Amino acid sequence: MCFFCPKTKYVELLANQPLASASEPFGPGYQVLFDQTIPVKGWKEICVWVHVFVDNYETTPIDTATAQLNLRFMHKFSGGEFDYEKDSFGTDVTSYINGYTIQPVIGEQLRLLCEPKNLPPGPYRLTVTYLLVR
């Protein structure tokens, strides 16, 4: 371990990013809010926070009983990529849904996918941050 290297690295992956809808296909058959690959070589774990704000929540509120964000962690390597961890978040409010999870990292690259479940029609604003830990 390098004593001059920082023990953490904070990144704002998406900051208040406008999204029209969660129902449009993105990627290979997935309905996702975001699909990002990030470099993780030399890091041991990652803390990811996702926040989705529904701009028109007064007319189309989030159903607190069924709405969910499913976050998938995928190990990328020369032969492909596979899920190795998953986490899900619900909400108790009708205007936004958010949550965080702490997971180990494997290898040099990590693919993060966030799949929405039962979100109302957009528009939305999406914020995603993460903290890497040595």
N, C-alpha and C. Protein backbone atom coordinates (compact mmCIF):
# COMPACT_ATOMS: atom_id res chain seq x y z
N MET A 1 0.84 -1.18 0.00
CA MET A 1 0.00 0.00 0.00
C MET A 1 0.88 1.24 0.00
N CYS A 2 0.51 2.21 -0.78
CA CYS A 2 1.25 3.45 -0.88
C CYS A 2 0.75 4.43 0.18
N PHE A 3 1.66 4.95 1.01
CA PHE A 3 1.26 5.88 2.07
C PHE A 3 0.87 7.25 1.53
N PHE A 4 1.29 7.55 0.29
CA PHE A 4 0.96 8.84 -0.31
C PHE A 4 -0.30 8.77 -1.17
N CYS A 5 -0.80 7.55 -1.40
CA CYS A 5 -2.01 7.38 -2.20
C CYS A 5 -3.24 7.57 -1.32
N PRO A 6 -4.27 8.21 -1.85
CA PRO A 6 -5.49 8.38 -1.04
C PRO A 6 -6.16 7.03 -0.79
N LYS A 7 -6.78 6.91 0.38
CA LYS A 7 -7.44 5.67 0.75
C LYS A 7 -8.87 5.61 0.22
N THR A 8 -9.38 6.74 -0.26
CA THR A 8 -10.71 6.79 -0.86
C THR A 8 -10.69 7.68 -2.09
N LYS A 9 -11.67 7.45 -2.95
CA LYS A 9 -11.85 8.29 -4.13
C LYS A 9 -13.35 8.47 -4.34
N TYR A 10 -13.82 9.73 -4.29
CA TYR A 10 -15.23 10.05 -4.46
C TYR A 10 -15.48 10.54 -5.88
N VAL A 11 -16.53 10.03 -6.53
CA VAL A 11 -16.85 10.41 -7.90
C VAL A 11 -18.34 10.68 -8.03
N GLU A 12 -18.70 11.80 -8.66
CA GLU A 12 -20.08 12.05 -9.06
C GLU A 12 -20.23 11.54 -10.48
N LEU A 13 -20.83 10.39 -10.62
CA LEU A 13 -20.98 9.76 -11.92
C LEU A 13 -22.01 10.49 -12.77
N LEU A 14 -23.17 10.78 -12.19
CA LEU A 14 -24.22 11.55 -12.84
C LEU A 14 -24.76 12.53 -11.82
N ALA A 15 -24.85 13.79 -12.18
CA ALA A 15 -25.30 14.81 -11.24
C ALA A 15 -26.55 15.50 -11.77
N ASN A 16 -27.70 15.14 -11.21
CA ASN A 16 -28.96 15.75 -11.57
C ASN A 16 -29.25 15.61 -13.07
N GLN A 17 -28.92 14.46 -13.62
CA GLN A 17 -29.07 14.17 -15.05
C GLN A 17 -30.56 14.04 -15.40
N PRO A 18 -31.07 14.86 -16.34
CA PRO A 18 -32.48 14.72 -16.72
C PRO A 18 -32.71 13.45 -17.55
N LEU A 19 -33.81 12.74 -17.25
CA LEU A 19 -34.21 11.55 -18.00
C LEU A 19 -35.69 11.72 -18.36
N ALA A 20 -36.03 11.38 -19.59
CA ALA A 20 -37.42 11.51 -20.02
C ALA A 20 -38.28 10.38 -19.48
N SER A 21 -37.72 9.16 -19.44
CA SER A 21 -38.53 8.01 -19.09
C SER A 21 -37.67 6.86 -18.61
N ALA A 22 -38.25 5.97 -17.83
CA ALA A 22 -37.56 4.75 -17.41
C ALA A 22 -38.00 3.57 -18.24
N SER A 23 -38.86 3.80 -19.22
CA SER A 23 -39.42 2.69 -19.99
C SER A 23 -38.75 2.50 -21.35
N GLU A 24 -37.79 3.34 -21.70
CA GLU A 24 -37.12 3.19 -22.98
C GLU A 24 -36.01 2.15 -22.87
N PRO A 25 -35.90 1.25 -23.86
CA PRO A 25 -34.83 0.24 -23.80
C PRO A 25 -33.45 0.88 -23.85
N PHE A 26 -32.54 0.31 -23.11
CA PHE A 26 -31.16 0.78 -23.10
C PHE A 26 -30.27 -0.43 -22.94
N GLY A 27 -29.28 -0.55 -23.77
CA GLY A 27 -28.40 -1.71 -23.66
C GLY A 27 -29.02 -2.95 -24.29
N PRO A 28 -28.41 -4.09 -24.05
CA PRO A 28 -28.84 -5.34 -24.71
C PRO A 28 -30.09 -5.94 -24.05
N GLY A 29 -31.26 -5.32 -24.30
CA GLY A 29 -32.50 -5.86 -23.78
C GLY A 29 -32.87 -5.42 -22.38
N TYR A 30 -32.12 -4.51 -21.80
CA TYR A 30 -32.40 -4.06 -20.45
C TYR A 30 -33.19 -2.76 -20.45
N GLN A 31 -34.05 -2.61 -19.47
CA GLN A 31 -34.69 -1.33 -19.19
C GLN A 31 -33.89 -0.76 -18.02
N VAL A 32 -33.02 0.19 -18.26
CA VAL A 32 -32.15 0.68 -17.20
C VAL A 32 -32.16 2.20 -17.12
N LEU A 33 -31.88 2.70 -15.92
CA LEU A 33 -31.71 4.14 -15.73
C LEU A 33 -30.30 4.56 -16.08
N PHE A 34 -29.33 3.70 -15.79
CA PHE A 34 -27.96 3.97 -16.23
C PHE A 34 -27.20 2.67 -16.36
N ASP A 35 -26.17 2.72 -17.21
CA ASP A 35 -25.30 1.57 -17.48
C ASP A 35 -23.91 2.17 -17.64
N GLN A 36 -23.06 2.01 -16.63
CA GLN A 36 -21.74 2.64 -16.64
C GLN A 36 -20.66 1.62 -16.28
N THR A 37 -19.54 1.72 -16.95
CA THR A 37 -18.36 0.92 -16.59
C THR A 37 -17.34 1.86 -15.99
N ILE A 38 -16.81 1.46 -14.82
CA ILE A 38 -15.86 2.32 -14.12
C ILE A 38 -14.59 1.53 -13.80
N PRO A 39 -13.44 2.19 -13.81
CA PRO A 39 -12.18 1.52 -13.45
C PRO A 39 -12.10 1.32 -11.93
N VAL A 40 -11.76 0.11 -11.50
CA VAL A 40 -11.69 -0.18 -10.07
C VAL A 40 -10.37 -0.87 -9.68
N LYS A 41 -9.41 -0.92 -10.58
CA LYS A 41 -8.13 -1.58 -10.29
C LYS A 41 -7.47 -0.95 -9.06
N GLY A 42 -7.10 -1.79 -8.09
CA GLY A 42 -6.42 -1.32 -6.89
C GLY A 42 -7.35 -0.96 -5.75
N TRP A 43 -8.66 -1.00 -5.97
CA TRP A 43 -9.64 -0.68 -4.93
C TRP A 43 -10.26 -1.95 -4.39
N LYS A 44 -10.68 -1.94 -3.12
CA LYS A 44 -11.23 -3.13 -2.48
C LYS A 44 -12.75 -3.14 -2.43
N GLU A 45 -13.36 -1.97 -2.24
CA GLU A 45 -14.82 -1.93 -2.19
C GLU A 45 -15.34 -0.61 -2.73
N ILE A 46 -16.65 -0.61 -2.98
CA ILE A 46 -17.30 0.55 -3.55
C ILE A 46 -18.62 0.79 -2.80
N CYS A 47 -18.89 2.06 -2.53
CA CYS A 47 -20.17 2.48 -1.96
C CYS A 47 -20.87 3.30 -3.04
N VAL A 48 -22.01 2.81 -3.51
CA VAL A 48 -22.74 3.47 -4.60
C VAL A 48 -24.04 4.03 -4.04
N TRP A 49 -24.35 5.30 -4.39
CA TRP A 49 -25.59 5.95 -3.99
C TRP A 49 -26.33 6.37 -5.25
N VAL A 50 -27.62 6.02 -5.33
CA VAL A 50 -28.46 6.36 -6.48
C VAL A 50 -29.68 7.12 -5.97
N HIS A 51 -30.01 8.22 -6.66
CA HIS A 51 -31.17 9.04 -6.29
C HIS A 51 -31.94 9.38 -7.56
N VAL A 52 -33.23 9.04 -7.59
CA VAL A 52 -34.11 9.36 -8.72
C VAL A 52 -35.23 10.23 -8.19
N PHE A 53 -35.32 11.46 -8.70
CA PHE A 53 -36.39 12.39 -8.33
C PHE A 53 -37.39 12.45 -9.47
N VAL A 54 -38.66 12.26 -9.16
CA VAL A 54 -39.73 12.33 -10.17
C VAL A 54 -40.22 13.77 -10.25
N ASP A 55 -39.94 14.44 -11.38
CA ASP A 55 -40.28 15.86 -11.53
C ASP A 55 -41.77 16.14 -11.38
N ASN A 56 -42.62 15.26 -11.88
CA ASN A 56 -44.07 15.51 -11.83
C ASN A 56 -44.75 14.60 -10.80
N TYR A 57 -44.17 14.48 -9.64
CA TYR A 57 -44.69 13.56 -8.62
C TYR A 57 -46.08 13.95 -8.12
N GLU A 58 -46.47 15.23 -8.29
CA GLU A 58 -47.81 15.63 -7.86
C GLU A 58 -48.88 14.92 -8.69
N THR A 59 -48.64 14.76 -9.98
CA THR A 59 -49.62 14.12 -10.86
C THR A 59 -49.36 12.63 -11.06
N THR A 60 -48.11 12.21 -11.01
CA THR A 60 -47.77 10.78 -11.15
C THR A 60 -46.81 10.40 -10.02
N PRO A 61 -47.31 10.20 -8.81
CA PRO A 61 -46.45 9.87 -7.67
C PRO A 61 -45.90 8.45 -7.77
N ILE A 62 -44.82 8.23 -7.07
CA ILE A 62 -44.24 6.89 -6.97
C ILE A 62 -45.15 6.03 -6.10
N ASP A 63 -45.40 4.82 -6.53
CA ASP A 63 -46.15 3.85 -5.73
C ASP A 63 -45.18 3.26 -4.71
N THR A 64 -45.32 3.66 -3.46
CA THR A 64 -44.35 3.25 -2.43
C THR A 64 -44.40 1.76 -2.14
N ALA A 65 -45.46 1.08 -2.53
CA ALA A 65 -45.57 -0.36 -2.28
C ALA A 65 -44.83 -1.20 -3.31
N THR A 66 -44.69 -0.68 -4.55
CA THR A 66 -44.12 -1.52 -5.61
C THR A 66 -42.88 -0.95 -6.29
N ALA A 67 -42.61 0.34 -6.18
CA ALA A 67 -41.46 0.95 -6.87
C ALA A 67 -40.15 0.43 -6.28
N GLN A 68 -39.18 0.25 -7.16
CA GLN A 68 -37.90 -0.31 -6.72
C GLN A 68 -36.80 0.06 -7.72
N LEU A 69 -35.59 0.21 -7.21
CA LEU A 69 -34.39 0.32 -8.04
C LEU A 69 -33.55 -0.92 -7.77
N ASN A 70 -33.14 -1.59 -8.83
CA ASN A 70 -32.30 -2.78 -8.71
C ASN A 70 -30.93 -2.46 -9.27
N LEU A 71 -29.92 -2.51 -8.43
CA LEU A 71 -28.55 -2.18 -8.81
C LEU A 71 -27.77 -3.47 -8.99
N ARG A 72 -27.15 -3.63 -10.17
CA ARG A 72 -26.38 -4.83 -10.48
C ARG A 72 -24.90 -4.48 -10.60
N PHE A 73 -24.05 -5.30 -10.00
CA PHE A 73 -22.60 -5.16 -10.06
C PHE A 73 -22.07 -6.29 -10.93
N MET A 74 -21.37 -5.91 -12.02
CA MET A 74 -20.88 -6.90 -12.97
C MET A 74 -19.36 -6.84 -13.08
N HIS A 75 -18.74 -8.00 -12.94
CA HIS A 75 -17.29 -8.14 -13.10
C HIS A 75 -16.99 -8.24 -14.59
N LYS A 76 -16.20 -7.29 -15.12
CA LYS A 76 -15.81 -7.31 -16.53
C LYS A 76 -14.41 -7.88 -16.65
N PHE A 77 -14.22 -8.77 -17.60
CA PHE A 77 -12.91 -9.37 -17.86
C PHE A 77 -12.81 -9.68 -19.34
N SER A 78 -11.64 -10.17 -19.79
CA SER A 78 -11.41 -10.34 -21.23
C SER A 78 -12.39 -11.32 -21.87
N GLY A 79 -12.95 -12.26 -21.12
CA GLY A 79 -13.88 -13.23 -21.68
C GLY A 79 -15.34 -12.84 -21.59
N GLY A 80 -15.64 -11.67 -20.98
CA GLY A 80 -17.03 -11.25 -20.87
C GLY A 80 -17.29 -10.50 -19.59
N GLU A 81 -18.51 -10.66 -19.08
CA GLU A 81 -18.90 -10.01 -17.84
C GLU A 81 -20.05 -10.78 -17.20
N PHE A 82 -20.04 -10.81 -15.87
CA PHE A 82 -21.06 -11.53 -15.14
C PHE A 82 -21.43 -10.79 -13.86
N ASP A 83 -22.70 -10.89 -13.46
CA ASP A 83 -23.14 -10.34 -12.18
C ASP A 83 -22.40 -11.05 -11.05
N TYR A 84 -22.03 -10.30 -10.02
CA TYR A 84 -21.51 -10.93 -8.82
C TYR A 84 -22.19 -10.41 -7.55
N GLU A 85 -22.86 -9.27 -7.64
CA GLU A 85 -23.64 -8.74 -6.51
C GLU A 85 -24.84 -7.98 -7.05
N LYS A 86 -25.89 -7.91 -6.22
CA LYS A 86 -27.10 -7.13 -6.55
C LYS A 86 -27.62 -6.52 -5.27
N ASP A 87 -28.32 -5.40 -5.41
CA ASP A 87 -29.01 -4.80 -4.27
C ASP A 87 -30.23 -4.06 -4.79
N SER A 88 -31.23 -3.88 -3.94
CA SER A 88 -32.48 -3.23 -4.33
C SER A 88 -32.87 -2.19 -3.29
N PHE A 89 -33.55 -1.14 -3.77
CA PHE A 89 -34.01 -0.07 -2.89
C PHE A 89 -35.48 0.20 -3.15
N GLY A 90 -36.23 0.42 -2.10
CA GLY A 90 -37.61 0.86 -2.19
C GLY A 90 -37.69 2.29 -1.68
N THR A 91 -38.91 2.77 -1.44
CA THR A 91 -39.08 4.14 -0.93
C THR A 91 -40.33 4.24 -0.07
N ASP A 92 -40.32 5.21 0.82
CA ASP A 92 -41.48 5.51 1.66
C ASP A 92 -42.13 6.84 1.27
N VAL A 93 -41.60 7.51 0.24
CA VAL A 93 -42.12 8.80 -0.19
C VAL A 93 -42.54 8.71 -1.66
N THR A 94 -43.33 9.66 -2.12
CA THR A 94 -43.87 9.59 -3.49
C THR A 94 -43.13 10.45 -4.50
N SER A 95 -42.12 11.21 -4.06
CA SER A 95 -41.42 12.11 -4.99
C SER A 95 -40.05 11.61 -5.43
N TYR A 96 -39.44 10.71 -4.67
CA TYR A 96 -38.11 10.21 -5.06
C TYR A 96 -37.90 8.81 -4.49
N ILE A 97 -36.89 8.17 -5.06
CA ILE A 97 -36.45 6.87 -4.56
C ILE A 97 -34.93 6.90 -4.57
N ASN A 98 -34.33 6.47 -3.47
CA ASN A 98 -32.87 6.46 -3.43
C ASN A 98 -32.38 5.39 -2.46
N GLY A 99 -31.09 5.15 -2.51
CA GLY A 99 -30.48 4.20 -1.60
C GLY A 99 -29.01 4.06 -1.90
N TYR A 100 -28.32 3.36 -0.99
CA TYR A 100 -26.90 3.11 -1.21
C TYR A 100 -26.58 1.68 -0.81
N THR A 101 -25.47 1.21 -1.32
CA THR A 101 -25.00 -0.13 -0.99
C THR A 101 -23.48 -0.13 -1.01
N ILE A 102 -22.90 -0.99 -0.20
CA ILE A 102 -21.44 -1.17 -0.16
C ILE A 102 -21.15 -2.58 -0.63
N GLN A 103 -20.29 -2.71 -1.65
CA GLN A 103 -19.99 -4.01 -2.23
C GLN A 103 -18.50 -4.14 -2.49
N PRO A 104 -17.98 -5.37 -2.52
CA PRO A 104 -16.58 -5.58 -2.90
C PRO A 104 -16.42 -5.33 -4.39
N VAL A 105 -15.18 -5.08 -4.82
CA VAL A 105 -14.91 -4.96 -6.25
C VAL A 105 -13.96 -6.08 -6.65
N ILE A 106 -14.08 -6.47 -7.91
CA ILE A 106 -13.29 -7.58 -8.46
C ILE A 106 -12.63 -7.08 -9.74
N GLY A 107 -11.35 -7.30 -9.89
CA GLY A 107 -10.69 -7.01 -11.15
C GLY A 107 -10.41 -5.55 -11.41
N GLU A 108 -10.35 -5.21 -12.69
CA GLU A 108 -9.97 -3.87 -13.11
C GLU A 108 -11.14 -2.99 -13.54
N GLN A 109 -12.26 -3.61 -13.95
CA GLN A 109 -13.41 -2.82 -14.39
C GLN A 109 -14.69 -3.37 -13.78
N LEU A 110 -15.58 -2.46 -13.43
CA LEU A 110 -16.87 -2.80 -12.85
C LEU A 110 -17.96 -2.16 -13.70
N ARG A 111 -18.93 -2.95 -14.08
CA ARG A 111 -20.09 -2.42 -14.81
C ARG A 111 -21.24 -2.31 -13.82
N LEU A 112 -21.83 -1.13 -13.75
CA LEU A 112 -22.99 -0.87 -12.88
C LEU A 112 -24.22 -0.67 -13.75
N LEU A 113 -25.28 -1.41 -13.46
CA LEU A 113 -26.56 -1.23 -14.13
C LEU A 113 -27.62 -0.97 -13.08
N CYS A 114 -28.51 -0.04 -13.35
CA CYS A 114 -29.61 0.25 -12.43
C CYS A 114 -30.92 0.07 -13.19
N GLU A 115 -31.65 -0.97 -12.80
CA GLU A 115 -32.92 -1.29 -13.45
C GLU A 115 -34.09 -0.79 -12.59
N PRO A 116 -34.97 0.03 -13.14
CA PRO A 116 -36.13 0.49 -12.38
C PRO A 116 -37.25 -0.54 -12.43
N LYS A 117 -38.05 -0.56 -11.39
CA LYS A 117 -39.22 -1.43 -11.36
C LYS A 117 -40.41 -0.60 -10.87
N ASN A 118 -41.44 -0.53 -11.69
CA ASN A 118 -42.70 0.14 -11.35
C ASN A 118 -42.54 1.63 -11.03
N LEU A 119 -41.68 2.32 -11.77
CA LEU A 119 -41.61 3.77 -11.63
C LEU A 119 -42.69 4.41 -12.50
N PRO A 120 -43.26 5.53 -12.07
CA PRO A 120 -44.27 6.21 -12.89
C PRO A 120 -43.61 6.86 -14.11
N PRO A 121 -44.42 7.35 -15.06
CA PRO A 121 -43.84 8.03 -16.22
C PRO A 121 -42.98 9.21 -15.77
N GLY A 122 -41.90 9.47 -16.51
CA GLY A 122 -40.99 10.56 -16.19
C GLY A 122 -41.65 11.89 -16.48
N PRO A 123 -40.90 12.95 -16.48
CA PRO A 123 -39.43 13.01 -16.44
C PRO A 123 -38.86 12.86 -15.03
N TYR A 124 -37.59 12.50 -15.02
CA TYR A 124 -36.84 12.27 -13.79
C TYR A 124 -35.57 13.11 -13.80
N ARG A 125 -34.96 13.17 -12.61
CA ARG A 125 -33.59 13.65 -12.48
C ARG A 125 -32.82 12.60 -11.71
N LEU A 126 -31.70 12.19 -12.26
CA LEU A 126 -30.91 11.08 -11.73
C LEU A 126 -29.56 11.56 -11.23
N THR A 127 -29.22 11.17 -10.00
CA THR A 127 -27.89 11.44 -9.45
C THR A 127 -27.29 10.12 -8.98
N VAL A 128 -26.04 9.89 -9.37
CA VAL A 128 -25.33 8.67 -8.97
C VAL A 128 -23.93 9.07 -8.53
N THR A 129 -23.57 8.67 -7.32
CA THR A 129 -22.20 8.90 -6.82
C THR A 129 -21.65 7.60 -6.31
N TYR A 130 -20.33 7.54 -6.24
CA TYR A 130 -19.71 6.38 -5.62
C TYR A 130 -18.43 6.77 -4.90
N LEU A 131 -18.07 5.94 -3.95
CA LEU A 131 -16.84 6.10 -3.18
C LEU A 131 -16.07 4.80 -3.26
N LEU A 132 -14.84 4.87 -3.77
CA LEU A 132 -13.96 3.70 -3.81
C LEU A 132 -13.08 3.71 -2.57
N VAL A 133 -12.85 2.53 -1.99
CA VAL A 133 -12.07 2.39 -0.76
C VAL A 133 -10.95 1.38 -0.99
N ARG A 134 -9.74 1.72 -0.55
CA ARG A 134 -8.59 0.80 -0.66
C ARG A 134 -8.62 -0.21 0.44
